[in-house]
Amino acid sequence: MKYVKLITLITVIAGFVVFNGCGGSGGDDPSVREINTGILTSKTWTVNTVTVPAGTATEGSAWNNFTVTFNPTNMTTTNHPTGAEVVWPTGITWTFKDDEARVIVRGDGVDMTINTISESSLVLTFTMPDNTQIAGRTAGLGGQYTFNLR
């Protein structure tokens, strides 16, 4: 009878050890890339504030009605200030620079640093080349931009 109890106890302990190791989160957690893609593609982002380079052809408030919508491979933008579509083109591809998913690389080669990302806030900073121009204007669009989106 002692052997039956011992074998039963060993079986129960072995079963507990085996099934305890089979649980939950091992490897099924989403990657940072997947999480950030999910946040980016979850809605149409609207402007909270925009900081533009000093002396450029647009003012930050000119971007107040700007929107951007991400899908997993493209972004669509609307309501640019007149002539400033080159700052953030519409229908352009995008990808993350690496698995850290803190830099978006646009199809035109501009890197956008993600300063903040959550379901309610997206802050992106990027630099346009100094020679970025609006046709017919002497002031250009080059320099660092920060888009605070909601």
Protein backbone atom coordinates (compact mmCIF):
# COMPACT_ATOMS: atom_id res chain seq x y z
CA MET A 1 0.00 0.00 0.00
CA LYS A 2 2.91 2.34 0.71
CA TYR A 3 4.19 1.80 -2.84
CA VAL A 4 0.82 2.74 -4.35
CA LYS A 5 0.70 5.96 -2.31
CA LEU A 6 4.31 6.75 -3.23
CA ILE A 7 3.70 6.10 -6.93
CA THR A 8 0.52 8.22 -6.80
CA LEU A 9 2.38 11.05 -5.08
CA ILE A 10 5.23 10.91 -7.61
CA THR A 11 2.74 10.89 -10.50
CA VAL A 12 0.86 13.90 -9.10
CA ILE A 13 4.10 15.84 -8.54
CA ALA A 14 5.40 14.94 -12.02
CA GLY A 15 2.11 15.98 -13.57
CA PHE A 16 2.17 19.29 -11.72
CA VAL A 17 5.73 20.00 -12.88
CA VAL A 18 4.93 19.13 -16.51
CA PHE A 19 1.69 21.10 -16.70
CA ASN A 20 3.02 24.05 -14.74
CA GLY A 21 5.74 24.51 -17.37
CA CYS A 22 3.21 24.58 -20.24
CA GLY A 23 1.50 27.81 -19.37
CA GLY A 24 0.81 31.15 -20.79
CA SER A 25 3.17 33.69 -22.12
CA GLY A 26 6.24 31.93 -23.45
CA GLY A 27 6.83 33.32 -26.94
CA ASP A 28 3.25 34.41 -27.60
CA ASP A 29 3.75 37.99 -26.47
CA PRO A 30 3.53 40.54 -29.31
CA SER A 31 6.78 42.21 -30.34
CA VAL A 32 7.39 45.96 -29.97
CA ARG A 33 7.03 46.19 -33.75
CA GLU A 34 3.60 44.51 -33.60
CA ILE A 35 2.45 46.67 -30.68
CA ASN A 36 3.57 49.93 -32.34
CA THR A 37 2.04 48.92 -35.69
CA GLY A 38 -1.23 48.21 -33.89
CA ILE A 39 -1.19 51.63 -32.24
CA LEU A 40 -0.26 53.48 -35.44
CA THR A 41 -2.96 51.75 -37.50
CA SER A 42 -5.68 52.01 -34.84
CA LYS A 43 -7.06 55.40 -35.90
CA THR A 44 -6.71 58.57 -37.92
CA TRP A 45 -4.26 60.81 -36.08
CA THR A 46 -5.05 64.51 -35.83
CA VAL A 47 -2.83 67.44 -34.89
CA ASN A 48 -2.49 68.59 -31.33
CA THR A 49 0.52 70.85 -32.07
CA VAL A 50 3.20 71.12 -34.74
CA THR A 51 6.59 72.72 -34.26
CA VAL A 52 8.15 73.90 -37.51
CA PRO A 53 11.68 75.17 -38.15
CA ALA A 54 12.23 78.90 -37.70
CA GLY A 55 12.10 80.88 -40.93
CA THR A 56 10.29 78.23 -42.97
CA ALA A 57 7.44 78.85 -45.38
CA THR A 58 4.76 77.53 -42.99
CA GLU A 59 3.67 78.23 -39.43
CA GLY A 60 2.84 75.48 -36.95
CA SER A 61 -0.80 76.58 -36.84
CA ALA A 62 -1.07 76.06 -40.63
CA TRP A 63 -1.00 72.31 -39.86
CA ASN A 64 -4.00 72.39 -37.46
CA ASN A 65 -6.31 70.40 -39.76
CA PHE A 66 -3.66 67.91 -40.91
CA THR A 67 -4.42 64.19 -40.44
CA VAL A 68 -2.48 60.99 -41.03
CA THR A 69 -3.79 57.44 -41.25
CA PHE A 70 -1.40 54.49 -41.19
CA ASN A 71 -2.04 51.05 -42.58
CA PRO A 72 0.61 48.32 -42.23
CA THR A 73 2.56 49.49 -45.30
CA ASN A 74 1.35 52.99 -46.32
CA MET A 75 0.31 56.27 -44.77
CA THR A 76 -2.33 58.65 -46.09
CA THR A 77 -2.26 62.32 -45.16
CA THR A 78 -4.77 65.14 -45.66
CA ASN A 79 -5.11 68.89 -45.14
CA HIS A 80 -1.50 69.99 -45.67
CA PRO A 81 -0.71 73.69 -45.69
CA THR A 82 -0.65 74.92 -49.29
CA GLY A 83 2.52 73.78 -51.00
CA ALA A 84 3.82 71.83 -48.00
CA GLU A 85 2.85 68.32 -49.13
CA VAL A 86 6.55 67.48 -49.52
CA VAL A 87 6.98 67.72 -45.72
CA TRP A 88 4.66 64.73 -45.22
CA PRO A 89 3.53 63.25 -48.55
CA THR A 90 0.32 61.27 -48.88
CA GLY A 91 0.16 57.67 -50.07
CA ILE A 92 3.79 57.03 -49.14
CA THR A 93 5.13 53.71 -47.89
CA TRP A 94 6.64 53.27 -44.45
CA THR A 95 8.40 50.66 -42.36
CA PHE A 96 10.21 50.52 -39.05
CA LYS A 97 13.98 50.95 -39.20
CA ASP A 98 14.54 47.94 -36.89
CA ASP A 99 12.84 45.68 -34.37
CA GLU A 100 12.97 48.39 -31.69
CA ALA A 101 10.25 50.16 -33.75
CA ARG A 102 11.25 53.65 -32.56
CA VAL A 103 12.07 55.05 -36.02
CA ILE A 104 9.71 55.10 -39.02
CA VAL A 105 11.43 55.16 -42.41
CA ARG A 106 9.22 56.79 -45.02
CA GLY A 107 9.33 55.76 -48.67
CA ASP A 108 11.05 59.05 -49.53
CA GLY A 109 13.93 58.19 -47.17
CA VAL A 110 12.97 60.51 -44.30
CA ASP A 111 13.46 58.96 -40.84
CA MET A 112 10.78 59.88 -38.29
CA THR A 113 11.75 59.35 -34.66
CA ILE A 114 8.94 58.19 -32.39
CA ASN A 115 9.28 60.27 -29.20
CA THR A 116 5.97 59.14 -27.69
CA ILE A 117 3.54 56.42 -28.72
CA SER A 118 0.34 55.39 -26.96
CA GLU A 119 -3.31 54.92 -27.88
CA SER A 120 -3.91 58.62 -27.26
CA SER A 121 -0.63 60.32 -28.19
CA LEU A 122 1.90 60.09 -31.01
CA VAL A 123 4.86 62.48 -31.13
CA LEU A 124 7.14 62.26 -34.17
CA THR A 125 10.25 64.30 -34.98
CA PHE A 126 11.94 64.39 -38.38
CA THR A 127 14.22 66.63 -40.39
CA MET A 128 13.63 67.77 -43.95
CA PRO A 129 16.73 68.56 -46.05
CA ASP A 130 17.73 72.24 -46.18
CA ASN A 131 17.01 72.40 -49.92
CA THR A 132 13.32 71.41 -49.53
CA GLN A 133 11.38 74.16 -51.32
CA ILE A 134 7.86 75.26 -52.13
CA ALA A 135 7.55 76.25 -55.79
CA GLY A 136 7.44 80.02 -56.24
CA ARG A 137 8.56 80.90 -52.70
CA THR A 138 11.89 82.07 -51.41
CA ALA A 139 11.43 80.48 -47.97
CA GLY A 140 11.97 76.75 -47.89
CA LEU A 141 10.72 73.88 -45.79
CA GLY A 142 14.01 72.44 -44.54
CA GLY A 143 14.69 71.76 -40.88
CA GLN A 144 13.32 69.81 -37.94
CA TYR A 145 9.59 69.24 -37.48
CA THR A 146 7.80 67.82 -34.45
CA PHE A 147 4.25 66.58 -34.87
CA ASN A 148 2.30 66.03 -31.66
CA LEU A 149 -0.72 64.00 -32.74
CA ARG A 150 -3.76 62.67 -30.92
